[in-house]
Amino acid sequence: MPQAVQITTADGYRLHANVWQPAQISAHSPVVVINSATSVRSRYYHRFAHALRNRGCTVVTYDYRGIGDSKHGSLRDLPAGWLDWGQTDFEAVLQYVHSHYCSSPLYVAGHSIGGFLIGLAPSAHLIQRIFTMGAQYAYWRDYASGSRTRMFLQWHIAMPLLTKIFGYVPASRLGWMEDTPRGVALDWSGMGPRFEQSLGRRYGAHDKTAAESELPARLQQVTAPILALGVSDDPFGTPAALDRVLDYYSGCERRHLRISPADIGHKEIGHFAFFHSRFSDSLWPLAFDWLLGADTESAPGTIIRYRKPKE
């Protein structure tokens, strides 16, 4: 069973986290932090975390502010957005890991927006390897063509309208995801081709200008090699969406791997199912091997893009 811990952010917010310790641990056992998708509780990744623990890793999962066990009080009173989740919440987790496991290699697995938020943390340069699944930040033109209209109406019309009515998105009642803070919903619904230029809907002119000048440079400071996995039936994680994220990480080696369900003998994978235990034998080893530095040359799928640092 994991150990529950509380991590306090620089602005005083209390995050709920869980820590898995392997049976045999040394000063150099790797630590893996798992970054969740938007408004997905961290417990969704617990089976994946347990399997990583069995591979000898210490694993940390956590809920962003306003989500799951990191929700304190009404969401109507919580001014939280994607920027807060990355540069404040994830940053606090990195600092926690660095203070408790300073001699251990630090790796990160990020799902969806969790794969982009990595680079928003000022301490992201501490990370040594990164695996992402469907990492993107919801620019609607990157959605899969067959689903684009429906997704635009749901996430870019209905979601901000619900936010205006309720002060947050009551997404759990609709079966979408966890209830979502207003700022996160407006960040998502207002995303354009450049993340840092799309924050004006919520931020004042000064903060927006600071974001436009600081965030790209911060992302470029990440030096950890990245394996970005995309699957062919994921309407969010299209090739264009993943490449848009990878272009920000120009300071590191980047591989974009595409897999179709047929490659592993399944009918569908989609945006979320990678972390389900039914893929523990077919897909999870790909992530584990990459993070632990093992050979991934025989992995299913095709590398459709490879970039060296600064390319």
Foldseek 3Di string as FASTA:
>chain_A
DWDWDWFAWPVGQTKIKTKQAAPDADLAQAEEEEAEAAQAAQVLQVVLCVVLSPVRYIYMYIDFQCHDPSDDDDLLPDPDALLCRQQIVVLRVVVVCCVVRVNYAYEYEYAACRQLSLLSHLPSQSHAAYEYELHFQQALVQFDPVCSVVCLCVQQPVQLVCCVVPSWAPVVVVVRHHTGHNRHSQLNNQDHLDSLQRNVVPDDPVVSVCSVPPRLVSLCSHAHEYEYEYEPAARRRHPVRVVSSVVSNQQYKYWYWYYYLVQQPHDDQYRPNCSPCVCVPQRSVLVSCRRVVHDCPPHTTDGPDIDGHND
